[in-house]
């Protein structure tokens, strides 16, 4: 099982029109951000402090990082992380990168999330 850690800042998930260019604030984070465009939307995950007031956003998330790199051939990595959280009644927002996975949980559920993951055999390490 991969080790995981908690990123230090509060995160937000913002929704923009699919026709909008990627805003500069979406790329300012030095720790973690993700920009995804589909035909229906432009989604930005980044530190909450970077999202402008008035933006359509879900705020108050914290990111748990699964330490990688994780091989593309690995099966069930995200499921092994999501299942203990689901059993604990914790909603997630998952983002994957080339090397690893990030699972966002609401700030008020961080303690319960870490406890559920450790109880399931995952190892928590300080970021």
C-alpha atoms as a PDB file:
ATOM      1  CA  UNK A   1       0.000   0.000   0.000  1.00  0.00           C
ATOM      2  CA  UNK A   2       1.300   3.477  -0.786  1.00  0.00           C
ATOM      3  CA  UNK A   3       2.010   5.929   2.004  1.00  0.00           C
ATOM      4  CA  UNK A   4      -0.094   9.064   2.156  1.00  0.00           C
ATOM      5  CA  UNK A   5       0.214  12.552   3.585  1.00  0.00           C
ATOM      6  CA  UNK A   6      -1.992  15.597   4.065  1.00  0.00           C
ATOM      7  CA  UNK A   7      -1.197  18.701   2.028  1.00  0.00           C
ATOM      8  CA  UNK A   8      -1.081  21.787   4.273  1.00  0.00           C
ATOM      9  CA  UNK A   9      -3.514  24.185   2.621  1.00  0.00           C
ATOM     10  CA  UNK A  10      -7.285  24.239   2.256  1.00  0.00           C
ATOM     11  CA  UNK A  11      -8.343  23.460  -1.310  1.00  0.00           C
ATOM     12  CA  UNK A  12     -11.246  24.445  -3.555  1.00  0.00           C
ATOM     13  CA  UNK A  13     -12.829  22.943  -6.653  1.00  0.00           C
ATOM     14  CA  UNK A  14     -13.957  25.680  -9.048  1.00  0.00           C
ATOM     15  CA  UNK A  15     -16.206  25.411 -12.103  1.00  0.00           C
ATOM     16  CA  UNK A  16     -15.852  27.734 -15.070  1.00  0.00           C
ATOM     17  CA  UNK A  17     -17.398  27.838 -18.516  1.00  0.00           C
ATOM     18  CA  UNK A  18     -15.779  25.434 -21.002  1.00  0.00           C
ATOM     19  CA  UNK A  19     -15.159  28.381 -23.331  1.00  0.00           C
ATOM     20  CA  UNK A  20     -13.137  30.385 -20.790  1.00  0.00           C
ATOM     21  CA  UNK A  21      -9.351  30.421 -20.981  1.00  0.00           C
ATOM     22  CA  UNK A  22      -7.530  28.914 -18.014  1.00  0.00           C
ATOM     23  CA  UNK A  23      -7.279  31.788 -15.512  1.00  0.00           C
ATOM     24  CA  UNK A  24      -3.853  32.830 -14.225  1.00  0.00           C
ATOM     25  CA  UNK A  25      -4.868  32.145 -10.608  1.00  0.00           C
ATOM     26  CA  UNK A  26      -5.423  28.473 -11.496  1.00  0.00           C
ATOM     27  CA  UNK A  27      -1.718  28.059 -12.228  1.00  0.00           C
ATOM     28  CA  UNK A  28      -0.220  29.968  -9.286  1.00  0.00           C
ATOM     29  CA  UNK A  29       0.037  27.085  -6.814  1.00  0.00           C
ATOM     30  CA  UNK A  30       3.497  25.660  -6.162  1.00  0.00           C
ATOM     31  CA  UNK A  31       2.145  22.650  -4.256  1.00  0.00           C
ATOM     32  CA  UNK A  32      -0.913  21.274  -6.083  1.00  0.00           C
ATOM     33  CA  UNK A  33      -3.380  22.313  -8.730  1.00  0.00           C
ATOM     34  CA  UNK A  34      -5.297  20.527 -11.446  1.00  0.00           C
ATOM     35  CA  UNK A  35      -7.022  21.949 -14.506  1.00  0.00           C
ATOM     36  CA  UNK A  36      -9.447  19.772 -16.470  1.00  0.00           C
ATOM     37  CA  UNK A  37     -11.468  20.830 -19.488  1.00  0.00           C
ATOM     38  CA  UNK A  38     -14.395  18.920 -20.974  1.00  0.00           C
ATOM     39  CA  UNK A  39     -17.025  19.908 -23.507  1.00  0.00           C
ATOM     40  CA  UNK A  40     -19.233  20.956 -20.580  1.00  0.00           C
ATOM     41  CA  UNK A  41     -16.931  22.670 -18.102  1.00  0.00           C
ATOM     42  CA  UNK A  42     -13.508  23.839 -17.025  1.00  0.00           C
ATOM     43  CA  UNK A  43     -12.678  22.554 -13.536  1.00  0.00           C
ATOM     44  CA  UNK A  44      -9.869  23.903 -11.388  1.00  0.00           C
ATOM     45  CA  UNK A  45      -8.617  22.333  -8.169  1.00  0.00           C
ATOM     46  CA  UNK A  46      -6.203  24.587  -6.299  1.00  0.00           C
ATOM     47  CA  UNK A  47      -5.570  26.190  -2.917  1.00  0.00           C
ATOM     48  CA  UNK A  48      -8.714  27.918  -1.725  1.00  0.00           C
ATOM     49  CA  UNK A  49      -6.818  31.171  -1.189  1.00  0.00           C
ATOM     50  CA  UNK A  50      -6.272  31.504  -4.953  1.00  0.00           C
ATOM     51  CA  UNK A  51      -9.932  31.235  -5.998  1.00  0.00           C
ATOM     52  CA  UNK A  52     -11.504  34.675  -6.448  1.00  0.00           C
ATOM     53  CA  UNK A  53     -14.573  35.638  -4.432  1.00  0.00           C
ATOM     54  CA  UNK A  54     -17.688  35.173  -6.503  1.00  0.00           C
ATOM     55  CA  UNK A  55     -16.295  32.198  -8.419  1.00  0.00           C
ATOM     56  CA  UNK A  56     -18.487  29.115  -8.523  1.00  0.00           C
ATOM     57  CA  UNK A  57     -16.516  26.856  -6.201  1.00  0.00           C
ATOM     58  CA  UNK A  58     -16.795  24.182  -3.556  1.00  0.00           C
ATOM     59  CA  UNK A  59     -14.457  25.323  -0.815  1.00  0.00           C
ATOM     60  CA  UNK A  60     -13.217  23.645   2.355  1.00  0.00           C
ATOM     61  CA  UNK A  61     -11.425  20.579   0.985  1.00  0.00           C
ATOM     62  CA  UNK A  62      -8.125  19.058   2.108  1.00  0.00           C
ATOM     63  CA  UNK A  63      -5.940  16.924  -0.141  1.00  0.00           C
ATOM     64  CA  UNK A  64      -4.523  13.546   0.839  1.00  0.00           C
ATOM     65  CA  UNK A  65      -1.608  12.627  -1.420  1.00  0.00           C
ATOM     66  CA  UNK A  66      -0.763   8.998  -2.141  1.00  0.00           C
ATOM     67  CA  UNK A  67       3.002   8.984  -2.446  1.00  0.00           C
ATOM     68  CA  UNK A  68       4.191   7.776  -5.824  1.00  0.00           C
ATOM     69  CA  UNK A  69       5.194   7.241  -8.373  1.00  0.00           C
ATOM     70  CA  UNK A  70       2.474   4.659  -8.799  1.00  0.00           C
ATOM     71  CA  UNK A  71       2.946   2.329 -11.761  1.00  0.00           C
ATOM     72  CA  UNK A  72       0.228   2.408 -14.414  1.00  0.00           C
ATOM     73  CA  UNK A  73      -0.001  -1.377 -14.074  1.00  0.00           C
ATOM     74  CA  UNK A  74      -1.049  -1.123 -10.405  1.00  0.00           C
ATOM     75  CA  UNK A  75      -4.624  -2.308  -9.976  1.00  0.00           C
ATOM     76  CA  UNK A  76      -7.022  -1.087  -7.304  1.00  0.00           C
ATOM     77  CA  UNK A  77      -4.867   1.650  -5.776  1.00  0.00           C
ATOM     78  CA  UNK A  78      -7.621   4.259  -5.738  1.00  0.00           C
ATOM     79  CA  UNK A  79     -10.246   1.687  -4.755  1.00  0.00           C
ATOM     80  CA  UNK A  80      -8.093   0.580  -1.825  1.00  0.00           C
ATOM     81  CA  UNK A  81      -8.007   4.187  -0.663  1.00  0.00           C
ATOM     82  CA  UNK A  82     -11.630   5.113  -1.462  1.00  0.00           C
ATOM     83  CA  UNK A  83     -13.296   2.052   0.076  1.00  0.00           C
ATOM     84  CA  UNK A  84     -12.265   2.712   3.714  1.00  0.00           C
ATOM     85  CA  UNK A  85     -13.424   6.316   3.296  1.00  0.00           C
ATOM     86  CA  UNK A  86     -16.763   5.201   1.844  1.00  0.00           C
ATOM     87  CA  UNK A  87     -17.259   2.768   4.740  1.00  0.00           C
ATOM     88  CA  UNK A  88     -16.629   5.705   7.114  1.00  0.00           C
ATOM     89  CA  UNK A  89     -19.256   7.782   5.269  1.00  0.00           C
ATOM     90  CA  UNK A  90     -16.696  10.228   3.891  1.00  0.00           C
ATOM     91  CA  UNK A  91     -17.281  11.740   0.458  1.00  0.00           C
ATOM     92  CA  UNK A  92     -14.227  12.188  -1.782  1.00  0.00           C
ATOM     93  CA  UNK A  93     -13.113  14.089  -4.853  1.00  0.00           C
ATOM     94  CA  UNK A  94     -10.277  12.212  -6.603  1.00  0.00           C
ATOM     95  CA  UNK A  95      -7.629  13.606  -8.959  1.00  0.00           C
ATOM     96  CA  UNK A  96      -4.917  11.540 -10.603  1.00  0.00           C
ATOM     97  CA  UNK A  97      -1.630  12.685 -12.094  1.00  0.00           C
ATOM     98  CA  UNK A  98       1.019  10.806 -14.050  1.00  0.00           C
ATOM     99  CA  UNK A  99       2.826   9.732 -10.861  1.00  0.00           C
ATOM    100  CA  UNK A 100       0.218   9.568  -8.113  1.00  0.00           C
ATOM    101  CA  UNK A 101      -3.337  10.088  -6.866  1.00  0.00           C
ATOM    102  CA  UNK A 102      -4.844  12.784  -4.684  1.00  0.00           C
ATOM    103  CA  UNK A 103      -8.043  12.347  -2.718  1.00  0.00           C
ATOM    104  CA  UNK A 104      -9.792  15.435  -1.411  1.00  0.00           C
ATOM    105  CA  UNK A 105     -12.023  15.236   1.651  1.00  0.00           C
ATOM    106  CA  UNK A 106     -13.946  17.996   3.354  1.00  0.00           C
ATOM    107  CA  UNK A 107     -11.870  19.804   6.015  1.00  0.00           C
ATOM    108  CA  UNK A 108     -14.148  18.810   8.876  1.00  0.00           C
ATOM    109  CA  UNK A 109     -13.694  15.125   7.999  1.00  0.00           C
ATOM    110  CA  UNK A 110      -9.871  15.036   7.794  1.00  0.00           C
ATOM    111  CA  UNK A 111      -9.358  13.467  11.214  1.00  0.00           C
ATOM    112  CA  UNK A 112     -11.931  10.751  10.556  1.00  0.00           C
ATOM    113  CA  UNK A 113     -10.475  10.146   7.079  1.00  0.00           C
ATOM    114  CA  UNK A 114      -6.937   9.683   8.356  1.00  0.00           C
ATOM    115  CA  UNK A 115      -8.168   7.380  11.134  1.00  0.00           C
ATOM    116  CA  UNK A 116     -10.180   5.254   8.677  1.00  0.00           C
ATOM    117  CA  UNK A 117      -7.220   4.927   6.314  1.00  0.00           C
ATOM    118  CA  UNK A 118      -4.752   4.031   9.079  1.00  0.00           C
ATOM    119  CA  UNK A 119      -7.224   1.485  10.452  1.00  0.00           C
ATOM    120  CA  UNK A 120      -7.404  -0.037   6.937  1.00  0.00           C
ATOM    121  CA  UNK A 121      -3.604  -0.489   6.919  1.00  0.00           C
ATOM    122  CA  UNK A 122      -2.439   2.645   5.106  1.00  0.00           C
ATOM    123  CA  UNK A 123       0.574   4.532   6.471  1.00  0.00           C
ATOM    124  CA  UNK A 124       0.276   8.250   7.205  1.00  0.00           C
ATOM    125  CA  UNK A 125       3.472  10.302   6.914  1.00  0.00           C
ATOM    126  CA  UNK A 126       3.941  13.992   7.678  1.00  0.00           C
ATOM    127  CA  UNK A 127       4.181  16.121   4.517  1.00  0.00           C
END
